[in-house]
Amino acid sequence: MTLHLQTKSVRHDGTRESSTEELPSKVVPLWWQDKGLSFTASGYGKRIPTQHMVRYNGKWRRVYCCIYSNIGTCFIGKLSDGLIITD
């Protein structure tokens, strides 16, 4: 599976710039995911670890998901860094 990293930034003059980069990925489940458990009782949260990892800047990084209601945003690092993962 190949995942894509979408970055967005604002230049000094106020214009916005975005880019998309293809990243290699692999599935590395955590122990509780192997047992079919959920990270939280409700399944919702701000930084839920997924079973996916992507190679970014020479390191394998865990993909996290911020999920409330019925839609989630997957990211690496901090959600405020703007490193959004899509498939």
N, C-alpha and C. Protein backbone atom coordinates (compact mmCIF):
# COMPACT_ATOMS: atom_id res chain seq x y z
N MET A 1 0.84 -1.17 0.00
CA MET A 1 0.00 0.00 0.00
C MET A 1 0.89 1.24 0.00
N THR A 2 0.53 2.19 -0.82
CA THR A 2 1.25 3.45 -0.85
C THR A 2 0.35 4.54 -0.30
N LEU A 3 0.86 5.29 0.65
CA LEU A 3 0.12 6.40 1.23
C LEU A 3 0.71 7.70 0.73
N HIS A 4 -0.06 8.76 0.81
CA HIS A 4 0.37 10.06 0.33
C HIS A 4 0.38 11.06 1.49
N LEU A 5 1.39 11.90 1.50
CA LEU A 5 1.53 12.95 2.51
C LEU A 5 1.13 14.26 1.87
N GLN A 6 0.18 14.95 2.47
CA GLN A 6 -0.25 16.26 1.98
C GLN A 6 0.23 17.31 2.98
N THR A 7 0.98 18.27 2.49
CA THR A 7 1.45 19.35 3.34
C THR A 7 0.85 20.65 2.86
N LYS A 8 0.53 21.52 3.79
CA LYS A 8 0.00 22.84 3.46
C LYS A 8 0.77 23.86 4.27
N SER A 9 1.09 24.98 3.63
CA SER A 9 1.81 26.03 4.33
C SER A 9 1.34 27.38 3.82
N VAL A 10 1.61 28.41 4.61
CA VAL A 10 1.26 29.78 4.26
C VAL A 10 2.56 30.55 4.09
N ARG A 11 2.72 31.19 2.95
CA ARG A 11 3.91 31.99 2.68
C ARG A 11 3.84 33.32 3.42
N HIS A 12 4.95 34.03 3.43
CA HIS A 12 5.01 35.34 4.12
C HIS A 12 4.05 36.36 3.52
N ASP A 13 3.78 36.24 2.22
CA ASP A 13 2.87 37.18 1.57
C ASP A 13 1.40 36.79 1.75
N GLY A 14 1.13 35.69 2.46
CA GLY A 14 -0.24 35.27 2.75
C GLY A 14 -0.80 34.24 1.79
N THR A 15 -0.09 33.93 0.72
CA THR A 15 -0.58 32.91 -0.21
C THR A 15 -0.36 31.52 0.39
N ARG A 16 -1.20 30.60 -0.01
CA ARG A 16 -1.13 29.23 0.51
C ARG A 16 -0.51 28.31 -0.53
N GLU A 17 0.23 27.35 -0.03
CA GLU A 17 0.89 26.38 -0.91
C GLU A 17 0.64 24.99 -0.35
N SER A 18 0.37 24.04 -1.24
CA SER A 18 0.19 22.66 -0.81
C SER A 18 0.95 21.74 -1.75
N SER A 19 1.35 20.60 -1.21
CA SER A 19 2.06 19.61 -2.03
C SER A 19 1.65 18.21 -1.57
N THR A 20 1.80 17.26 -2.48
CA THR A 20 1.51 15.86 -2.18
C THR A 20 2.73 15.03 -2.52
N GLU A 21 3.10 14.15 -1.60
CA GLU A 21 4.29 13.30 -1.77
C GLU A 21 3.90 11.85 -1.49
N GLU A 22 4.32 10.95 -2.37
CA GLU A 22 4.04 9.52 -2.19
C GLU A 22 5.07 8.93 -1.23
N LEU A 23 4.59 8.20 -0.22
CA LEU A 23 5.47 7.61 0.79
C LEU A 23 5.31 6.09 0.83
N PRO A 24 6.41 5.35 0.98
CA PRO A 24 6.29 3.91 1.18
C PRO A 24 5.68 3.65 2.56
N SER A 25 4.89 2.59 2.66
CA SER A 25 4.25 2.29 3.93
C SER A 25 4.30 0.79 4.21
N LYS A 26 4.06 0.45 5.46
CA LYS A 26 3.97 -0.95 5.87
C LYS A 26 2.98 -1.05 7.01
N VAL A 27 2.45 -2.25 7.20
CA VAL A 27 1.50 -2.51 8.28
C VAL A 27 2.26 -3.15 9.43
N VAL A 28 2.24 -2.49 10.59
CA VAL A 28 2.91 -2.99 11.79
C VAL A 28 1.92 -2.82 12.95
N PRO A 29 1.07 -3.83 13.19
CA PRO A 29 0.08 -3.69 14.25
C PRO A 29 0.73 -3.70 15.63
N LEU A 30 0.12 -2.96 16.54
CA LEU A 30 0.52 -2.96 17.94
C LEU A 30 -0.10 -4.18 18.63
N TRP A 31 0.38 -4.51 19.81
CA TRP A 31 -0.07 -5.75 20.48
C TRP A 31 -1.57 -5.77 20.70
N TRP A 32 -2.16 -4.63 21.05
CA TRP A 32 -3.60 -4.60 21.33
C TRP A 32 -4.41 -4.67 20.04
N GLN A 33 -3.83 -4.25 18.93
CA GLN A 33 -4.51 -4.38 17.64
C GLN A 33 -4.54 -5.83 17.19
N ASP A 34 -3.47 -6.58 17.50
CA ASP A 34 -3.43 -8.02 17.19
C ASP A 34 -4.51 -8.77 17.93
N LYS A 35 -4.87 -8.30 19.12
CA LYS A 35 -5.89 -8.96 19.94
C LYS A 35 -7.30 -8.47 19.64
N GLY A 36 -7.44 -7.55 18.68
CA GLY A 36 -8.76 -7.04 18.30
C GLY A 36 -9.31 -6.00 19.26
N LEU A 37 -8.43 -5.39 20.07
CA LEU A 37 -8.87 -4.38 21.03
C LEU A 37 -8.83 -2.99 20.42
N SER A 38 -9.51 -2.06 21.08
CA SER A 38 -9.54 -0.66 20.65
C SER A 38 -8.67 0.17 21.57
N PHE A 39 -8.10 1.26 21.07
CA PHE A 39 -7.23 2.13 21.87
C PHE A 39 -8.02 2.82 22.98
N THR A 40 -9.26 3.22 22.68
CA THR A 40 -10.14 3.82 23.69
C THR A 40 -11.44 3.04 23.72
N ALA A 41 -12.18 3.17 24.79
CA ALA A 41 -13.44 2.44 24.92
C ALA A 41 -14.44 2.86 23.84
N SER A 42 -14.46 4.15 23.51
CA SER A 42 -15.42 4.64 22.52
C SER A 42 -14.92 4.50 21.09
N GLY A 43 -13.61 4.38 20.90
CA GLY A 43 -13.03 4.33 19.56
C GLY A 43 -12.70 5.71 19.02
N TYR A 44 -13.01 6.74 19.79
CA TYR A 44 -12.73 8.12 19.37
C TYR A 44 -11.57 8.68 20.16
N GLY A 45 -10.90 9.68 19.60
CA GLY A 45 -9.82 10.34 20.30
C GLY A 45 -9.03 11.25 19.38
N LYS A 46 -8.11 12.01 19.98
CA LYS A 46 -7.33 12.98 19.23
C LYS A 46 -6.09 12.37 18.58
N ARG A 47 -5.51 11.33 19.19
CA ARG A 47 -4.26 10.76 18.68
C ARG A 47 -4.31 9.24 18.83
N ILE A 48 -5.12 8.59 18.01
CA ILE A 48 -5.27 7.14 18.04
C ILE A 48 -4.21 6.52 17.12
N PRO A 49 -3.33 5.65 17.64
CA PRO A 49 -2.34 5.01 16.76
C PRO A 49 -3.02 4.01 15.82
N THR A 50 -2.60 4.03 14.55
CA THR A 50 -3.10 3.07 13.59
C THR A 50 -2.06 1.97 13.41
N GLN A 51 -2.37 0.98 12.61
CA GLN A 51 -1.42 -0.10 12.35
C GLN A 51 -0.47 0.23 11.19
N HIS A 52 -0.60 1.41 10.61
CA HIS A 52 0.22 1.80 9.47
C HIS A 52 1.43 2.63 9.89
N MET A 53 2.54 2.43 9.17
CA MET A 53 3.73 3.23 9.34
C MET A 53 4.19 3.70 7.96
N VAL A 54 4.75 4.91 7.89
CA VAL A 54 5.27 5.45 6.63
C VAL A 54 6.73 5.86 6.82
N ARG A 55 7.47 5.82 5.74
CA ARG A 55 8.88 6.23 5.77
C ARG A 55 8.94 7.69 5.36
N TYR A 56 9.32 8.55 6.31
CA TYR A 56 9.37 9.99 6.10
C TYR A 56 10.67 10.53 6.68
N ASN A 57 11.42 11.27 5.88
CA ASN A 57 12.72 11.83 6.28
C ASN A 57 13.67 10.75 6.81
N GLY A 58 13.66 9.58 6.17
CA GLY A 58 14.60 8.52 6.52
C GLY A 58 14.22 7.68 7.73
N LYS A 59 13.05 7.89 8.31
CA LYS A 59 12.61 7.13 9.49
C LYS A 59 11.21 6.58 9.26
N TRP A 60 10.95 5.41 9.85
CA TRP A 60 9.60 4.85 9.84
C TRP A 60 8.82 5.51 10.96
N ARG A 61 7.69 6.13 10.63
CA ARG A 61 6.88 6.85 11.60
C ARG A 61 5.47 6.27 11.64
N ARG A 62 4.91 6.18 12.83
CA ARG A 62 3.56 5.68 13.04
C ARG A 62 2.55 6.71 12.54
N VAL A 63 1.49 6.23 11.91
CA VAL A 63 0.39 7.08 11.47
C VAL A 63 -0.65 7.10 12.60
N TYR A 64 -1.07 8.30 12.98
CA TYR A 64 -2.09 8.48 14.01
C TYR A 64 -3.36 9.01 13.38
N CYS A 65 -4.47 8.85 14.07
CA CYS A 65 -5.75 9.31 13.55
C CYS A 65 -6.49 10.11 14.61
N CYS A 66 -6.96 11.29 14.24
CA CYS A 66 -7.83 12.11 15.09
C CYS A 66 -9.24 11.82 14.60
N ILE A 67 -10.03 11.16 15.44
CA ILE A 67 -11.36 10.73 14.98
C ILE A 67 -12.42 11.06 16.01
N TYR A 68 -13.41 11.81 15.56
CA TYR A 68 -14.61 12.13 16.32
C TYR A 68 -15.77 12.01 15.34
N SER A 69 -16.89 11.56 15.80
CA SER A 69 -18.05 11.33 14.95
C SER A 69 -17.72 10.22 13.95
N ASN A 70 -18.03 10.40 12.68
CA ASN A 70 -17.84 9.31 11.73
C ASN A 70 -16.75 9.60 10.69
N ILE A 71 -15.85 10.53 10.97
CA ILE A 71 -14.76 10.84 10.04
C ILE A 71 -13.48 11.10 10.82
N GLY A 72 -12.35 10.70 10.24
CA GLY A 72 -11.07 10.89 10.91
C GLY A 72 -10.04 11.52 9.99
N THR A 73 -9.03 12.12 10.60
CA THR A 73 -7.91 12.70 9.88
C THR A 73 -6.65 11.98 10.32
N CYS A 74 -5.94 11.37 9.38
CA CYS A 74 -4.71 10.64 9.70
C CYS A 74 -3.52 11.55 9.49
N PHE A 75 -2.53 11.44 10.38
CA PHE A 75 -1.38 12.33 10.34
C PHE A 75 -0.17 11.65 10.96
N ILE A 76 1.01 12.25 10.74
CA ILE A 76 2.22 11.83 11.43
C ILE A 76 2.72 13.04 12.22
N GLY A 77 3.45 12.79 13.29
CA GLY A 77 3.91 13.88 14.15
C GLY A 77 2.76 14.41 14.98
N LYS A 78 2.60 15.72 15.00
CA LYS A 78 1.49 16.37 15.69
C LYS A 78 0.46 16.81 14.66
N LEU A 79 -0.78 16.80 15.03
CA LEU A 79 -1.83 17.23 14.11
C LEU A 79 -1.61 18.67 13.66
N SER A 80 -1.08 19.51 14.55
CA SER A 80 -0.85 20.91 14.22
C SER A 80 0.32 21.11 13.25
N ASP A 81 1.17 20.08 13.03
CA ASP A 81 2.27 20.18 12.08
C ASP A 81 1.79 20.22 10.64
N GLY A 82 0.57 19.75 10.39
CA GLY A 82 0.00 19.77 9.05
C GLY A 82 0.49 18.67 8.13
N LEU A 83 1.01 17.57 8.67
CA LEU A 83 1.47 16.45 7.86
C LEU A 83 0.34 15.42 7.78
N ILE A 84 -0.56 15.60 6.84
CA ILE A 84 -1.78 14.80 6.71
C ILE A 84 -1.52 13.63 5.77
N ILE A 85 -1.97 12.43 6.15
CA ILE A 85 -1.79 11.20 5.37
C ILE A 85 -3.12 10.85 4.69
N THR A 86 -3.04 10.54 3.38
CA THR A 86 -4.21 10.05 2.64
C THR A 86 -3.80 8.79 1.88
N ASP A 87 -4.78 8.03 1.44
CA ASP A 87 -4.46 6.83 0.64
C ASP A 87 -4.91 7.00 -0.78
